[in-house]
N, C-alpha and C. Protein backbone atom coordinates (compact mmCIF):
# COMPACT_ATOMS: atom_id res chain seq x y z
N MET A 1 0.86 -1.17 0.00
CA MET A 1 0.00 0.00 0.00
C MET A 1 0.91 1.23 0.00
N ASP A 2 0.58 2.20 -0.84
CA ASP A 2 1.43 3.39 -0.90
C ASP A 2 1.16 4.33 0.27
N ARG A 3 2.10 5.23 0.49
CA ARG A 3 2.05 6.13 1.65
C ARG A 3 0.79 7.00 1.63
N ALA A 4 0.38 7.49 0.48
CA ALA A 4 -0.81 8.34 0.39
C ALA A 4 -2.05 7.58 0.87
N MET A 5 -2.15 6.32 0.49
CA MET A 5 -3.29 5.50 0.91
C MET A 5 -3.23 5.27 2.42
N GLN A 6 -2.05 5.00 2.94
CA GLN A 6 -1.90 4.81 4.38
C GLN A 6 -2.32 6.07 5.14
N LEU A 7 -1.95 7.22 4.62
CA LEU A 7 -2.33 8.48 5.27
C LEU A 7 -3.83 8.69 5.24
N ARG A 8 -4.47 8.29 4.15
CA ARG A 8 -5.95 8.39 4.08
C ARG A 8 -6.58 7.45 5.11
N HIS A 9 -6.02 6.26 5.23
CA HIS A 9 -6.53 5.31 6.23
C HIS A 9 -6.31 5.83 7.64
N LEU A 10 -5.18 6.47 7.86
CA LEU A 10 -4.90 7.05 9.17
C LEU A 10 -5.91 8.15 9.49
N GLU A 11 -6.19 8.98 8.51
CA GLU A 11 -7.18 10.04 8.69
C GLU A 11 -8.55 9.46 9.05
N GLU A 12 -8.93 8.41 8.35
CA GLU A 12 -10.21 7.77 8.63
C GLU A 12 -10.22 7.14 10.03
N ALA A 13 -9.13 6.50 10.40
CA ALA A 13 -9.05 5.89 11.73
C ALA A 13 -9.15 6.96 12.81
N GLU A 14 -8.51 8.09 12.60
CA GLU A 14 -8.59 9.19 13.58
C GLU A 14 -10.02 9.71 13.69
N ARG A 15 -10.72 9.76 12.57
CA ARG A 15 -12.13 10.18 12.58
C ARG A 15 -12.97 9.20 13.38
N HIS A 16 -12.73 7.92 13.17
CA HIS A 16 -13.47 6.90 13.91
C HIS A 16 -13.20 7.00 15.40
N ILE A 17 -11.96 7.27 15.76
CA ILE A 17 -11.60 7.40 17.17
C ILE A 17 -12.33 8.59 17.79
N ALA A 18 -12.35 9.71 17.08
CA ALA A 18 -13.05 10.89 17.59
C ALA A 18 -14.54 10.62 17.75
N GLN A 19 -15.13 9.95 16.77
CA GLN A 19 -16.56 9.60 16.87
C GLN A 19 -16.79 8.67 18.04
N GLY A 20 -15.90 7.71 18.21
CA GLY A 20 -16.03 6.77 19.32
C GLY A 20 -15.96 7.47 20.67
N GLU A 21 -15.06 8.44 20.78
CA GLU A 21 -14.97 9.19 22.03
C GLU A 21 -16.28 9.92 22.33
N ARG A 22 -16.87 10.50 21.29
CA ARG A 22 -18.16 11.19 21.47
C ARG A 22 -19.25 10.21 21.89
N HIS A 23 -19.31 9.07 21.22
CA HIS A 23 -20.34 8.07 21.55
C HIS A 23 -20.19 7.60 22.99
N ILE A 24 -18.96 7.34 23.39
CA ILE A 24 -18.71 6.87 24.76
C ILE A 24 -19.12 7.93 25.76
N SER A 25 -18.70 9.15 25.53
CA SER A 25 -19.03 10.24 26.45
C SER A 25 -20.54 10.45 26.55
N GLU A 26 -21.21 10.45 25.41
CA GLU A 26 -22.67 10.63 25.42
C GLU A 26 -23.36 9.49 26.15
N GLN A 27 -22.90 8.27 25.92
CA GLN A 27 -23.53 7.12 26.57
C GLN A 27 -23.29 7.15 28.07
N GLU A 28 -22.10 7.55 28.48
CA GLU A 28 -21.83 7.69 29.91
C GLU A 28 -22.77 8.72 30.53
N GLY A 29 -23.01 9.80 29.80
CA GLY A 29 -23.96 10.81 30.27
C GLY A 29 -25.36 10.26 30.40
N ARG A 30 -25.78 9.48 29.40
CA ARG A 30 -27.11 8.87 29.45
C ARG A 30 -27.24 7.94 30.66
N ILE A 31 -26.20 7.16 30.88
CA ILE A 31 -26.23 6.23 32.01
C ILE A 31 -26.31 7.00 33.32
N GLY A 32 -25.54 8.05 33.43
CA GLY A 32 -25.60 8.88 34.64
C GLY A 32 -27.00 9.42 34.87
N PHE A 33 -27.64 9.89 33.82
CA PHE A 33 -29.01 10.38 33.92
C PHE A 33 -29.94 9.26 34.36
N MET A 34 -29.79 8.10 33.74
CA MET A 34 -30.66 6.98 34.07
C MET A 34 -30.50 6.56 35.53
N VAL A 35 -29.27 6.56 36.01
CA VAL A 35 -29.02 6.22 37.42
C VAL A 35 -29.72 7.22 38.32
N ARG A 36 -29.57 8.49 38.02
CA ARG A 36 -30.19 9.53 38.86
C ARG A 36 -31.71 9.42 38.85
N GLN A 37 -32.27 8.95 37.75
CA GLN A 37 -33.72 8.82 37.63
C GLN A 37 -34.23 7.47 38.14
N GLY A 38 -33.32 6.59 38.49
CA GLY A 38 -33.71 5.29 39.02
C GLY A 38 -34.04 4.25 37.97
N TYR A 39 -33.62 4.48 36.72
CA TYR A 39 -33.90 3.54 35.64
C TYR A 39 -32.89 2.39 35.64
N ASP A 40 -33.31 1.27 35.09
CA ASP A 40 -32.41 0.15 34.88
C ASP A 40 -31.40 0.53 33.79
N THR A 41 -30.13 0.31 34.06
CA THR A 41 -29.09 0.71 33.10
C THR A 41 -28.42 -0.49 32.42
N GLY A 42 -28.97 -1.66 32.61
CA GLY A 42 -28.33 -2.87 32.07
C GLY A 42 -28.04 -2.80 30.58
N GLU A 43 -29.05 -2.50 29.80
CA GLU A 43 -28.87 -2.45 28.34
C GLU A 43 -27.98 -1.28 27.94
N ALA A 44 -28.13 -0.16 28.63
CA ALA A 44 -27.30 1.01 28.32
C ALA A 44 -25.83 0.71 28.60
N ARG A 45 -25.58 -0.04 29.66
CA ARG A 45 -24.19 -0.41 29.99
C ARG A 45 -23.63 -1.42 28.98
N LYS A 46 -24.49 -2.31 28.49
CA LYS A 46 -24.04 -3.25 27.44
C LYS A 46 -23.64 -2.48 26.19
N LEU A 47 -24.44 -1.47 25.84
CA LEU A 47 -24.12 -0.66 24.67
C LEU A 47 -22.80 0.08 24.90
N LEU A 48 -22.60 0.61 26.10
CA LEU A 48 -21.34 1.28 26.42
C LEU A 48 -20.17 0.30 26.29
N ASP A 49 -20.35 -0.92 26.75
CA ASP A 49 -19.30 -1.94 26.60
C ASP A 49 -18.98 -2.15 25.12
N ASN A 50 -20.01 -2.20 24.28
CA ASN A 50 -19.79 -2.36 22.84
C ASN A 50 -19.03 -1.17 22.26
N PHE A 51 -19.40 0.04 22.69
CA PHE A 51 -18.69 1.24 22.23
C PHE A 51 -17.22 1.17 22.63
N ASN A 52 -16.96 0.75 23.86
CA ASN A 52 -15.58 0.66 24.34
C ASN A 52 -14.79 -0.40 23.57
N ALA A 53 -15.43 -1.53 23.26
CA ALA A 53 -14.76 -2.57 22.49
C ALA A 53 -14.43 -2.07 21.08
N SER A 54 -15.38 -1.38 20.47
CA SER A 54 -15.14 -0.80 19.15
C SER A 54 -14.01 0.21 19.20
N GLN A 55 -14.00 1.01 20.25
CA GLN A 55 -12.95 2.03 20.38
C GLN A 55 -11.58 1.37 20.49
N THR A 56 -11.50 0.29 21.22
CA THR A 56 -10.24 -0.44 21.33
C THR A 56 -9.78 -0.90 19.95
N GLN A 57 -10.70 -1.40 19.15
CA GLN A 57 -10.35 -1.84 17.79
C GLN A 57 -9.90 -0.66 16.93
N HIS A 58 -10.58 0.47 17.05
CA HIS A 58 -10.18 1.66 16.29
C HIS A 58 -8.77 2.10 16.67
N LEU A 59 -8.48 2.09 17.96
CA LEU A 59 -7.15 2.49 18.43
C LEU A 59 -6.07 1.52 17.93
N GLN A 60 -6.37 0.23 17.97
CA GLN A 60 -5.42 -0.76 17.49
C GLN A 60 -5.18 -0.60 15.99
N HIS A 61 -6.23 -0.32 15.24
CA HIS A 61 -6.11 -0.11 13.80
C HIS A 61 -5.23 1.10 13.52
N ARG A 62 -5.49 2.20 14.24
CA ARG A 62 -4.68 3.40 14.07
C ARG A 62 -3.22 3.12 14.38
N ASP A 63 -2.97 2.39 15.45
CA ASP A 63 -1.60 2.07 15.84
C ASP A 63 -0.90 1.21 14.78
N ARG A 64 -1.63 0.27 14.16
CA ARG A 64 -1.06 -0.54 13.08
C ARG A 64 -0.66 0.34 11.91
N ILE A 65 -1.53 1.27 11.55
CA ILE A 65 -1.23 2.18 10.44
C ILE A 65 0.01 3.00 10.76
N LEU A 66 0.09 3.51 11.98
CA LEU A 66 1.26 4.31 12.37
C LEU A 66 2.54 3.49 12.29
N ARG A 67 2.48 2.23 12.72
CA ARG A 67 3.66 1.36 12.63
C ARG A 67 4.07 1.16 11.17
N GLU A 68 3.08 0.96 10.30
CA GLU A 68 3.38 0.78 8.88
C GLU A 68 4.01 2.03 8.29
N LEU A 69 3.53 3.19 8.72
CA LEU A 69 4.08 4.44 8.21
C LEU A 69 5.52 4.66 8.67
N GLU A 70 5.89 4.09 9.80
CA GLU A 70 7.25 4.24 10.33
C GLU A 70 8.26 3.39 9.57
N GLN A 71 7.79 2.39 8.85
CA GLN A 71 8.70 1.48 8.14
C GLN A 71 9.30 2.13 6.91
């Protein structure tokens, strides 16, 4: 893969990471609200777990791209 393509992939990975951070933050806020209101947060916490797992994958992908760019 050429360097220009790798840089485009890096840009996309960074976008995904930023979106993931927003999703996680918003979901944490929703859960906080639900707790204060006395709602069950089980499903909301499962969704947050999924967001966190996806974020881990996005970070790993970005790190792989960075390693490739260093070669």
